[in-house]
C-alpha atoms as a PDB file:
ATOM      1  CA  MET A   1     112.009 -30.916   1.895  1.00  0.00           C
ATOM      2  CA  GLU A   2     110.183 -34.237   1.523  1.00  0.00           C
ATOM      3  CA  ASN A   3     112.972 -35.991   3.439  1.00  0.00           C
ATOM      4  CA  ILE A   4     112.646 -33.518   6.322  1.00  0.00           C
ATOM      5  CA  CYS A   5     108.863 -33.996   6.442  1.00  0.00           C
ATOM      6  CA  ASN A   6     109.294 -37.775   6.484  1.00  0.00           C
ATOM      7  CA  LYS A   7     111.781 -37.557   9.357  1.00  0.00           C
ATOM      8  CA  VAL A   8     109.503 -35.240  11.352  1.00  0.00           C
ATOM      9  CA  LEU A   9     106.492 -37.497  10.787  1.00  0.00           C
ATOM     10  CA  THR A  10     108.548 -40.561  11.708  1.00  0.00           C
ATOM     11  CA  GLY A  11     109.593 -38.820  14.920  1.00  0.00           C
ATOM     12  CA  ILE A  12     105.986 -37.932  15.691  1.00  0.00           C
ATOM     13  CA  HIS A  13     104.928 -41.549  15.155  1.00  0.00           C
ATOM     14  CA  PHE A  14     107.718 -42.735  17.448  1.00  0.00           C
ATOM     15  CA  LEU A  15     106.734 -40.202  20.130  1.00  0.00           C
ATOM     16  CA  ALA A  16     103.067 -41.197  19.864  1.00  0.00           C
ATOM     17  CA  ALA A  17     103.996 -44.878  20.159  1.00  0.00           C
ATOM     18  CA  ALA A  18     106.172 -44.193  23.210  1.00  0.00           C
ATOM     19  CA  ILE A  19     103.337 -42.246  24.867  1.00  0.00           C
ATOM     20  CA  LEU A  20     100.904 -45.073  24.103  1.00  0.00           C
ATOM     21  CA  VAL A  21     103.243 -47.621  25.714  1.00  0.00           C
ATOM     22  CA  LEU A  22     103.616 -45.396  28.769  1.00  0.00           C
ATOM     23  CA  ILE A  23      99.830 -45.010  29.086  1.00  0.00           C
ATOM     24  CA  ALA A  24      99.384 -48.779  28.702  1.00  0.00           C
ATOM     25  CA  LEU A  25     101.955 -49.495  31.411  1.00  0.00           C
ATOM     26  CA  VAL A  26     100.280 -47.005  33.764  1.00  0.00           C
ATOM     27  CA  THR A  27      96.916 -48.656  33.047  1.00  0.00           C
ATOM     28  CA  MET A  28      98.326 -52.095  33.843  1.00  0.00           C
ATOM     29  CA  GLY A  29     100.016 -50.856  37.000  1.00  0.00           C
ATOM     30  CA  TRP A  30      96.879 -49.089  38.189  1.00  0.00           C
ATOM     31  CA  SER A  31      94.782 -52.204  37.559  1.00  0.00           C
ATOM     32  CA  VAL A  32      97.139 -54.364  39.602  1.00  0.00           C
ATOM     33  CA  PHE A  33      97.251 -51.705  42.333  1.00  0.00           C
ATOM     34  CA  GLU A  34      93.435 -51.628  42.494  1.00  0.00           C
ATOM     35  CA  ILE A  35      93.264 -55.410  42.819  1.00  0.00           C
ATOM     36  CA  VAL A  36      95.922 -55.572  45.526  1.00  0.00           C
ATOM     37  CA  THR A  37      94.457 -52.719  47.591  1.00  0.00           C
ATOM     38  CA  ASN A  38      90.908 -54.073  47.394  1.00  0.00           C
ATOM     39  CA  PHE A  39      91.789 -57.731  47.937  1.00  0.00           C
ATOM     40  CA  PHE A  40      91.499 -57.478  51.702  1.00  0.00           C
ATOM     41  CA  ALA A  41      88.708 -54.897  51.715  1.00  0.00           C
ATOM     42  CA  GLU A  42      85.600 -55.517  53.769  1.00  0.00           C
ATOM     43  CA  ASN A  43      83.272 -55.089  50.780  1.00  0.00           C
ATOM     44  CA  ASN A  44      83.976 -58.315  48.891  1.00  0.00           C
ATOM     45  CA  GLU A  45      80.865 -57.966  46.697  1.00  0.00           C
ATOM     46  CA  ALA A  46      82.579 -55.313  44.599  1.00  0.00           C
ATOM     47  CA  PHE A  47      85.789 -57.327  44.178  1.00  0.00           C
ATOM     48  CA  LEU A  48      84.664 -59.557  41.293  1.00  0.00           C
ATOM     49  CA  PRO A  49      83.479 -56.652  39.105  1.00  0.00           C
ATOM     50  CA  LEU A  50      86.710 -54.812  39.966  1.00  0.00           C
ATOM     51  CA  LEU A  51      88.702 -57.895  38.995  1.00  0.00           C
ATOM     52  CA  LEU A  52      86.879 -58.169  35.675  1.00  0.00           C
ATOM     53  CA  GLN A  53      87.345 -54.453  35.006  1.00  0.00           C
ATOM     54  CA  SER A  54      91.048 -54.853  35.718  1.00  0.00           C
ATOM     55  CA  VAL A  55      91.261 -57.776  33.304  1.00  0.00           C
ATOM     56  CA  GLY A  56      89.519 -55.653  30.674  1.00  0.00           C
ATOM     57  CA  ALA A  57      91.857 -52.733  31.341  1.00  0.00           C
ATOM     58  CA  ILE A  58      94.919 -54.980  31.047  1.00  0.00           C
ATOM     59  CA  ILE A  59      93.626 -56.452  27.778  1.00  0.00           C
ATOM     60  CA  ILE A  60      93.035 -52.951  26.445  1.00  0.00           C
ATOM     61  CA  ALA A  61      96.527 -51.937  27.616  1.00  0.00           C
ATOM     62  CA  ALA A  62      97.991 -54.927  25.761  1.00  0.00           C
ATOM     63  CA  ALA A  63      96.027 -53.840  22.691  1.00  0.00           C
ATOM     64  CA  ILE A  64      97.433 -50.339  23.032  1.00  0.00           C
ATOM     65  CA  ILE A  65     100.942 -51.790  23.180  1.00  0.00           C
ATOM     66  CA  ASP A  66     100.167 -53.781  20.006  1.00  0.00           C
ATOM     67  CA  VAL A  67      99.049 -50.576  18.291  1.00  0.00           C
ATOM     68  CA  ALA A  68     102.238 -48.830  19.440  1.00  0.00           C
ATOM     69  CA  ARG A  69     104.344 -51.753  18.198  1.00  0.00           C
ATOM     70  CA  TYR A  70     102.543 -51.589  14.861  1.00  0.00           C
ATOM     71  CA  MET A  71     103.220 -47.851  14.641  1.00  0.00           C
ATOM     72  CA  ILE A  72     106.903 -48.368  15.336  1.00  0.00           C
ATOM     73  CA  GLU A  73     107.236 -51.288  12.921  1.00  0.00           C
ATOM     74  CA  GLU A  74     105.227 -49.703  10.111  1.00  0.00           C
ATOM     75  CA  GLU A  75     105.824 -45.985  10.474  1.00  0.00           C
ATOM     76  CA  VAL A  76     109.318 -45.813  11.962  1.00  0.00           C
ATOM     77  CA  PHE A  77     111.347 -48.811  10.792  1.00  0.00           C
ATOM     78  CA  GLN A  78     109.722 -49.875   7.533  1.00  0.00           C
ATOM     79  CA  GLU A  79     109.651 -48.184   4.151  1.00  0.00           C
ATOM     80  CA  LYS A  80     106.197 -46.691   3.663  1.00  0.00           C
ATOM     81  CA  GLU A  81     105.867 -47.948   0.091  1.00  0.00           C
ATOM     82  CA  LEU A  82     106.378 -51.641   0.890  1.00  0.00           C
ATOM     83  CA  ARG A  83     102.910 -52.340   2.308  1.00  0.00           C
ATOM     84  CA  GLU A  84     100.862 -55.227   0.985  1.00  0.00           C
ATOM     85  CA  PRO A  85      97.182 -56.145   1.348  1.00  0.00           C
ATOM     86  CA  LYS A  86      98.174 -59.110   3.531  1.00  0.00           C
ATOM     87  CA  GLU A  87      99.727 -56.740   6.081  1.00  0.00           C
ATOM     88  CA  ALA A  88      96.604 -54.580   6.123  1.00  0.00           C
ATOM     89  CA  ARG A  89      94.429 -57.664   6.644  1.00  0.00           C
ATOM     90  CA  ARG A  90      96.574 -58.791   9.575  1.00  0.00           C
ATOM     91  CA  THR A  91      96.408 -55.349  11.157  1.00  0.00           C
ATOM     92  CA  ILE A  92      92.645 -55.112  10.770  1.00  0.00           C
ATOM     93  CA  THR A  93      92.290 -58.628  12.162  1.00  0.00           C
ATOM     94  CA  LYS A  94      94.320 -57.749  15.265  1.00  0.00           C
ATOM     95  CA  LEU A  95      92.383 -54.551  15.818  1.00  0.00           C
ATOM     96  CA  ILE A  96      88.937 -56.137  15.459  1.00  0.00           C
ATOM     97  CA  VAL A  97      89.861 -59.063  17.715  1.00  0.00           C
ATOM     98  CA  ILE A  98      91.169 -56.684  20.366  1.00  0.00           C
ATOM     99  CA  ILE A  99      88.035 -54.546  20.175  1.00  0.00           C
ATOM    100  CA  SER A 100      85.792 -57.621  20.309  1.00  0.00           C
ATOM    101  CA  ILE A 101      87.572 -58.963  23.379  1.00  0.00           C
ATOM    102  CA  ALA A 102      87.354 -55.613  25.136  1.00  0.00           C
ATOM    103  CA  VAL A 103      83.646 -55.227  24.310  1.00  0.00           C
ATOM    104  CA  SER A 104      82.811 -58.758  25.431  1.00  0.00           C
ATOM    105  CA  ILE A 105      84.703 -58.312  28.713  1.00  0.00           C
ATOM    106  CA  GLU A 106      82.845 -55.059  29.295  1.00  0.00           C
ATOM    107  CA  GLY A 107      79.617 -56.957  28.640  1.00  0.00           C
ATOM    108  CA  LEU A 108      80.594 -59.574  31.226  1.00  0.00           C
ATOM    109  CA  VAL A 109      81.377 -56.896  33.801  1.00  0.00           C
ATOM    110  CA  TYR A 110      77.955 -55.318  33.218  1.00  0.00           C
ATOM    111  CA  ILE A 111      76.242 -58.717  33.415  1.00  0.00           C
ATOM    112  CA  PHE A 112      77.647 -59.219  36.919  1.00  0.00           C
ATOM    113  CA  LYS A 113      76.605 -55.700  37.911  1.00  0.00           C
ATOM    114  CA  ALA A 114      73.110 -55.991  36.419  1.00  0.00           C
ATOM    115  CA  GLY A 115      72.556 -59.509  37.725  1.00  0.00           C
ATOM    116  CA  THR A 116      73.006 -58.330  41.293  1.00  0.00           C
ATOM    117  CA  SER A 117      70.765 -55.281  41.081  1.00  0.00           C
ATOM    118  CA  ASP A 118      68.114 -55.277  38.331  1.00  0.00           C
ATOM    119  CA  LEU A 119      67.508 -57.920  35.663  1.00  0.00           C
ATOM    120  CA  GLN A 120      66.083 -55.332  33.274  1.00  0.00           C
ATOM    121  CA  LEU A 121      69.589 -53.900  33.010  1.00  0.00           C
ATOM    122  CA  LEU A 122      70.794 -57.104  31.288  1.00  0.00           C
ATOM    123  CA  ILE A 123      69.721 -55.797  27.872  1.00  0.00           C
ATOM    124  CA  TYR A 124      72.781 -53.548  27.507  1.00  0.00           C
ATOM    125  CA  PRO A 125      75.396 -56.189  28.372  1.00  0.00           C
ATOM    126  CA  ALA A 126      73.606 -58.744  26.208  1.00  0.00           C
ATOM    127  CA  ALA A 127      73.739 -56.257  23.332  1.00  0.00           C
ATOM    128  CA  LEU A 128      77.471 -55.718  23.947  1.00  0.00           C
ATOM    129  CA  ILE A 129      78.182 -59.441  23.816  1.00  0.00           C
ATOM    130  CA  PHE A 130      75.990 -59.811  20.713  1.00  0.00           C
ATOM    131  CA  VAL A 131      77.829 -56.974  18.955  1.00  0.00           C
ATOM    132  CA  SER A 132      81.151 -58.498  19.939  1.00  0.00           C
ATOM    133  CA  SER A 133      80.096 -61.845  18.449  1.00  0.00           C
ATOM    134  CA  LEU A 134      78.783 -60.112  15.337  1.00  0.00           C
ATOM    135  CA  SER A 135      82.084 -58.309  14.846  1.00  0.00           C
ATOM    136  CA  ILE A 136      83.946 -61.639  14.966  1.00  0.00           C
ATOM    137  CA  VAL A 137      81.578 -63.073  12.340  1.00  0.00           C
ATOM    138  CA  ALA A 138      82.091 -59.961  10.192  1.00  0.00           C
ATOM    139  CA  LEU A 139      85.849 -60.356  10.608  1.00  0.00           C
ATOM    140  CA  GLY A 140      85.605 -63.955   9.408  1.00  0.00           C
ATOM    141  CA  ILE A 141      83.688 -62.840   6.310  1.00  0.00           C
ATOM    142  CA  TYR A 142      86.214 -60.053   5.688  1.00  0.00           C
ATOM    143  CA  GLN A 143      89.109 -62.473   5.977  1.00  0.00           C
ATOM    144  CA  LYS A 144      87.506 -64.980   3.636  1.00  0.00           C
ATOM    145  CA  LEU A 145      86.846 -62.298   1.027  1.00  0.00           C
ATOM    146  CA  SER A 146      90.226 -60.611   1.364  1.00  0.00           C
ATOM    147  CA  VAL A 147      92.168 -63.886   1.197  1.00  0.00           C
ATOM    148  CA  SER A 148      90.242 -64.787  -1.966  1.00  0.00           C
ATOM    149  CA  VAL A 149      91.147 -61.432  -3.505  1.00  0.00           C
ATOM    150  CA  GLU A 150      94.789 -61.808  -2.418  1.00  0.00           C
ATOM    151  CA  ASP A 151      94.947 -65.292  -3.974  1.00  0.00           C
ATOM    152  CA  LYS A 152      93.422 -64.009  -7.211  1.00  0.00           C
ATOM    153  CA  THR A 153      95.827 -61.069  -7.296  1.00  0.00           C
ATOM    154  CA  GLU A 154      98.793 -63.382  -6.698  1.00  0.00           C
ATOM    155  CA  ARG A 155      97.643 -65.750  -9.486  1.00  0.00           C
ATOM    156  CA  ASP A 156      97.227 -62.801 -11.859  1.00  0.00           C
ATOM    157  CA  ARG A 157     100.687 -61.547 -10.929  1.00  0.00           C
ATOM    158  CA  LEU A 158     102.216 -64.996 -11.569  1.00  0.00           C
ATOM    159  CA  MET A 159     100.387 -65.318 -14.898  1.00  0.00           C
ATOM    160  CA  HIS A 160     101.620 -61.851 -15.875  1.00  0.00           C
ATOM    161  CA  ARG A 161     105.217 -62.871 -15.075  1.00  0.00           C
ATOM    162  CA  GLU A 162     104.868 -66.040 -17.158  1.00  0.00           C
ATOM    163  CA  THR A 163     103.528 -63.980 -20.061  1.00  0.00           C
ATOM    164  CA  ASP A 164     106.432 -61.522 -19.750  1.00  0.00           C
ATOM    165  CA  ARG A 165     108.961 -64.383 -19.810  1.00  0.00           C
ATOM    166  CA  ARG A 166     107.640 -65.698 -23.110  1.00  0.00           C
END
């Protein structure tokens, strides 16, 4: 029964990953389509924000593909019991970096929009960029702490093996 459940869940993860890749490809295609169709438009003032939004959408689509790849690697092809803290740290790092990039690009898009209409609207994009920077700093602290714990755990494991050999 457990084997059947594992196979069903593995299939669900694979299906979810395939759907995510499809959505990401549609997002990329739509972004490129929007740029191409608006390149020769008469209203050139809206082109730069559209371009930045398309860049943000493509970055998010790439992030979605990374998540789908992670799901396939971790949930479909790899044994579930073989996970290590280093793998979790790498995954969290990728996710936070992707989110930070997306948030900062969104902040840039809003800066261009607010700068052309009302300067009081710059508070929101400034807050987005600040939060994005703060998340990168928090990620650095997390990595420093988690690497220290991983090193300590590895040293303890090596010391335990030496003790067992004697």
